[in-house]
Amino acid sequence: MTSRKPKHILAVDDDGLVRKSLAIFFREAGYESTVAEDGEEALRFFCENRYDLLVTDIRMPGMDGLQLIRAVRDYCRHAKRPPVPEIVLTAYNDEEVKRSAARLGVRDFILKPFRAEEFLRTLERNLALP
């Protein structure tokens, strides 16, 4: 019987409590995760490791979540790595940000606080993408 390696999620949020909560949530759901406190740190982690999914906050100091998504996509193109699905996780129900994320092709936009069951289904759907 072969054991499948757990999916690895990169999550970025500037709020320490949210980072800690996400790490616990992912671990309890059976995923490996790395958490970053800002876009620059997340991009560095992404370039140094392989991830199956990116979960990012939008409003962060320095590089915001949409800038991070663009930078990750650029890196994947230049490094000839497959793209990863992205989920935006934010406390701000900003219509312009939603439109910007949709124009980028971000599949899911989750508002905090989120319901655990819905977030888990969103994770599973995105991690099942080819």
C-alpha atoms as a PDB file:
ATOM      1  CA  MET A   1       0.000   0.000   0.000  1.00  0.00           C
ATOM      2  CA  THR A   2       1.431   3.378  -0.963  1.00  0.00           C
ATOM      3  CA  SER A   3       1.168   6.381   1.280  1.00  0.00           C
ATOM      4  CA  ARG A   4       0.360   9.656  -0.441  1.00  0.00           C
ATOM      5  CA  LYS A   5       2.318  12.682   0.578  1.00  0.00           C
ATOM      6  CA  PRO A   6       0.089  15.347   2.162  1.00  0.00           C
ATOM      7  CA  LYS A   7      -0.586  18.470   0.128  1.00  0.00           C
ATOM      8  CA  HIS A   8       1.520  21.490   1.139  1.00  0.00           C
ATOM      9  CA  ILE A   9      -0.189  24.876   1.536  1.00  0.00           C
ATOM     10  CA  LEU A  10       1.524  28.261   1.695  1.00  0.00           C
ATOM     11  CA  ALA A  11      -0.580  30.733   3.688  1.00  0.00           C
ATOM     12  CA  VAL A  12       0.198  34.402   4.197  1.00  0.00           C
ATOM     13  CA  ASP A  13      -1.427  36.819   6.609  1.00  0.00           C
ATOM     14  CA  ASP A  14      -0.008  39.749   8.534  1.00  0.00           C
ATOM     15  CA  ASP A  15      -2.041  38.866  11.662  1.00  0.00           C
ATOM     16  CA  GLY A  16      -0.145  36.467  13.928  1.00  0.00           C
ATOM     17  CA  LEU A  17      -3.305  34.960  15.422  1.00  0.00           C
ATOM     18  CA  VAL A  18      -4.690  34.229  11.951  1.00  0.00           C
ATOM     19  CA  ARG A  19      -1.388  32.596  10.922  1.00  0.00           C
ATOM     20  CA  LYS A  20      -1.409  30.401  14.006  1.00  0.00           C
ATOM     21  CA  SER A  21      -5.077  29.492  13.500  1.00  0.00           C
ATOM     22  CA  LEU A  22      -4.516  28.619   9.839  1.00  0.00           C
ATOM     23  CA  ALA A  23      -1.517  26.421  10.683  1.00  0.00           C
ATOM     24  CA  ILE A  24      -3.610  24.521  13.237  1.00  0.00           C
ATOM     25  CA  PHE A  25      -6.573  24.270  10.855  1.00  0.00           C
ATOM     26  CA  PHE A  26      -4.417  22.893   8.026  1.00  0.00           C
ATOM     27  CA  ARG A  27      -2.645  20.413  10.300  1.00  0.00           C
ATOM     28  CA  GLU A  28      -5.938  19.115  11.711  1.00  0.00           C
ATOM     29  CA  ALA A  29      -7.282  18.764   8.159  1.00  0.00           C
ATOM     30  CA  GLY A  30      -4.266  16.611   7.234  1.00  0.00           C
ATOM     31  CA  TYR A  31      -2.277  19.164   5.230  1.00  0.00           C
ATOM     32  CA  GLU A  32       1.270  20.397   5.607  1.00  0.00           C
ATOM     33  CA  SER A  33       1.572  24.164   5.721  1.00  0.00           C
ATOM     34  CA  THR A  34       3.993  27.018   5.821  1.00  0.00           C
ATOM     35  CA  VAL A  35       2.810  30.391   7.063  1.00  0.00           C
ATOM     36  CA  ALA A  36       4.318  33.730   6.117  1.00  0.00           C
ATOM     37  CA  GLU A  37       3.719  37.126   7.671  1.00  0.00           C
ATOM     38  CA  ASP A  38       3.876  39.182   4.479  1.00  0.00           C
ATOM     39  CA  GLY A  39       4.044  38.943   0.714  1.00  0.00           C
ATOM     40  CA  GLU A  40       7.814  39.250   0.496  1.00  0.00           C
ATOM     41  CA  GLU A  41       8.370  36.382   2.924  1.00  0.00           C
ATOM     42  CA  ALA A  42       5.740  34.272   1.149  1.00  0.00           C
ATOM     43  CA  LEU A  43       7.388  34.852  -2.233  1.00  0.00           C
ATOM     44  CA  ARG A  44      10.770  33.845  -0.811  1.00  0.00           C
ATOM     45  CA  PHE A  45       9.260  30.649   0.653  1.00  0.00           C
ATOM     46  CA  PHE A  46       7.522  29.931  -2.652  1.00  0.00           C
ATOM     47  CA  CYS A  47      10.743  30.262  -4.618  1.00  0.00           C
ATOM     48  CA  GLU A  48      12.597  27.958  -2.218  1.00  0.00           C
ATOM     49  CA  ASN A  49       9.959  25.209  -1.874  1.00  0.00           C
ATOM     50  CA  ARG A  50       7.127  23.439  -3.678  1.00  0.00           C
ATOM     51  CA  TYR A  51       3.539  24.154  -2.710  1.00  0.00           C
ATOM     52  CA  ASP A  52       0.216  22.818  -3.922  1.00  0.00           C
ATOM     53  CA  LEU A  53      -1.873  25.865  -2.969  1.00  0.00           C
ATOM     54  CA  LEU A  54      -1.453  29.526  -2.040  1.00  0.00           C
ATOM     55  CA  VAL A  55      -3.822  31.115   0.489  1.00  0.00           C
ATOM     56  CA  THR A  56      -3.277  34.843   0.870  1.00  0.00           C
ATOM     57  CA  ASP A  57      -4.700  37.785   2.707  1.00  0.00           C
ATOM     58  CA  ILE A  58      -5.201  40.910   0.600  1.00  0.00           C
ATOM     59  CA  ARG A  59      -4.340  43.844   2.811  1.00  0.00           C
ATOM     60  CA  MET A  60      -0.812  43.498   4.119  1.00  0.00           C
ATOM     61  CA  PRO A  61       2.057  45.930   4.533  1.00  0.00           C
ATOM     62  CA  GLY A  62       4.410  46.027   1.561  1.00  0.00           C
ATOM     63  CA  MET A  63       3.310  43.546  -1.088  1.00  0.00           C
ATOM     64  CA  ASP A  64      -0.455  42.976  -0.972  1.00  0.00           C
ATOM     65  CA  GLY A  65      -2.094  39.659  -1.788  1.00  0.00           C
ATOM     66  CA  LEU A  66      -2.855  40.442  -5.432  1.00  0.00           C
ATOM     67  CA  GLN A  67       0.715  41.609  -5.996  1.00  0.00           C
ATOM     68  CA  LEU A  68       1.896  38.360  -4.409  1.00  0.00           C
ATOM     69  CA  ILE A  69      -0.297  36.309  -6.733  1.00  0.00           C
ATOM     70  CA  ARG A  70       1.137  38.128  -9.748  1.00  0.00           C
ATOM     71  CA  ALA A  71       4.702  37.629  -8.470  1.00  0.00           C
ATOM     72  CA  VAL A  72       4.119  33.901  -7.833  1.00  0.00           C
ATOM     73  CA  ARG A  73       2.674  33.467 -11.315  1.00  0.00           C
ATOM     74  CA  ASP A  74       5.615  35.333 -12.853  1.00  0.00           C
ATOM     75  CA  TYR A  75       8.037  33.141 -10.925  1.00  0.00           C
ATOM     76  CA  CYS A  76       6.279  29.964 -12.058  1.00  0.00           C
ATOM     77  CA  ARG A  77       6.405  31.097 -15.691  1.00  0.00           C
ATOM     78  CA  HIS A  78      10.097  31.997 -15.567  1.00  0.00           C
ATOM     79  CA  ALA A  79      11.104  28.939 -13.526  1.00  0.00           C
ATOM     80  CA  LYS A  80       8.975  26.681 -15.763  1.00  0.00           C
ATOM     81  CA  ARG A  81       7.080  25.422 -12.745  1.00  0.00           C
ATOM     82  CA  PRO A  82       3.396  24.552 -12.889  1.00  0.00           C
ATOM     83  CA  PRO A  83       1.090  27.231 -11.495  1.00  0.00           C
ATOM     84  CA  VAL A  84      -0.662  26.668  -8.186  1.00  0.00           C
ATOM     85  CA  PRO A  85      -4.272  27.499  -7.357  1.00  0.00           C
ATOM     86  CA  GLU A  86      -4.788  30.613  -5.225  1.00  0.00           C
ATOM     87  CA  ILE A  87      -7.391  31.438  -2.609  1.00  0.00           C
ATOM     88  CA  VAL A  88      -7.866  34.974  -1.331  1.00  0.00           C
ATOM     89  CA  LEU A  89      -8.763  35.075   2.360  1.00  0.00           C
ATOM     90  CA  THR A  90      -9.714  38.520   3.645  1.00  0.00           C
ATOM     91  CA  ALA A  91     -11.728  40.359   6.268  1.00  0.00           C
ATOM     92  CA  TYR A  92     -12.626  43.121   3.799  1.00  0.00           C
ATOM     93  CA  ASN A  93     -15.656  42.692   1.566  1.00  0.00           C
ATOM     94  CA  ASP A  94     -14.299  45.136  -1.015  1.00  0.00           C
ATOM     95  CA  GLU A  95     -16.035  44.866  -4.403  1.00  0.00           C
ATOM     96  CA  GLU A  96     -13.127  46.411  -6.318  1.00  0.00           C
ATOM     97  CA  VAL A  97     -10.696  43.923  -4.784  1.00  0.00           C
ATOM     98  CA  LYS A  98     -13.090  41.093  -5.673  1.00  0.00           C
ATOM     99  CA  ARG A  99     -13.233  42.332  -9.268  1.00  0.00           C
ATOM    100  CA  SER A 100      -9.434  42.631  -9.398  1.00  0.00           C
ATOM    101  CA  ALA A 101      -9.068  39.084  -8.074  1.00  0.00           C
ATOM    102  CA  ALA A 102     -11.626  37.817 -10.585  1.00  0.00           C
ATOM    103  CA  ARG A 103      -9.799  39.578 -13.453  1.00  0.00           C
ATOM    104  CA  LEU A 104      -6.635  37.773 -12.338  1.00  0.00           C
ATOM    105  CA  GLY A 105      -8.510  34.479 -12.459  1.00  0.00           C
ATOM    106  CA  VAL A 106      -8.409  33.796  -8.718  1.00  0.00           C
ATOM    107  CA  ARG A 107     -10.922  31.007  -8.212  1.00  0.00           C
ATOM    108  CA  ASP A 108     -12.003  31.645  -4.639  1.00  0.00           C
ATOM    109  CA  PHE A 109     -12.458  34.706  -2.442  1.00  0.00           C
ATOM    110  CA  ILE A 110     -13.195  33.762   1.186  1.00  0.00           C
ATOM    111  CA  LEU A 111     -14.308  36.300   3.786  1.00  0.00           C
ATOM    112  CA  LYS A 112     -13.041  36.120   7.371  1.00  0.00           C
ATOM    113  CA  PRO A 113     -14.397  34.918   9.635  1.00  0.00           C
ATOM    114  CA  PHE A 114     -15.121  31.838   7.574  1.00  0.00           C
ATOM    115  CA  ARG A 115     -17.033  28.669   8.341  1.00  0.00           C
ATOM    116  CA  ALA A 116     -14.567  25.800   8.701  1.00  0.00           C
ATOM    117  CA  GLU A 117     -16.625  23.353   6.613  1.00  0.00           C
ATOM    118  CA  GLU A 118     -16.904  25.782   3.692  1.00  0.00           C
ATOM    119  CA  PHE A 119     -13.204  26.642   3.834  1.00  0.00           C
ATOM    120  CA  LEU A 120     -12.279  22.952   3.913  1.00  0.00           C
ATOM    121  CA  ARG A 121     -14.455  22.279   0.832  1.00  0.00           C
ATOM    122  CA  THR A 122     -12.793  25.211  -0.936  1.00  0.00           C
ATOM    123  CA  LEU A 123      -9.333  23.865  -0.060  1.00  0.00           C
ATOM    124  CA  GLU A 124     -10.231  20.382  -1.271  1.00  0.00           C
ATOM    125  CA  ARG A 125     -11.707  21.679  -4.527  1.00  0.00           C
ATOM    126  CA  ASN A 126      -8.600  23.760  -5.268  1.00  0.00           C
ATOM    127  CA  LEU A 127      -6.177  21.013  -4.288  1.00  0.00           C
ATOM    128  CA  ALA A 128      -7.959  18.595  -6.622  1.00  0.00           C
ATOM    129  CA  LEU A 129      -7.215  20.818  -9.640  1.00  0.00           C
ATOM    130  CA  PRO A 130      -4.734  19.406 -12.144  1.00  0.00           C
END
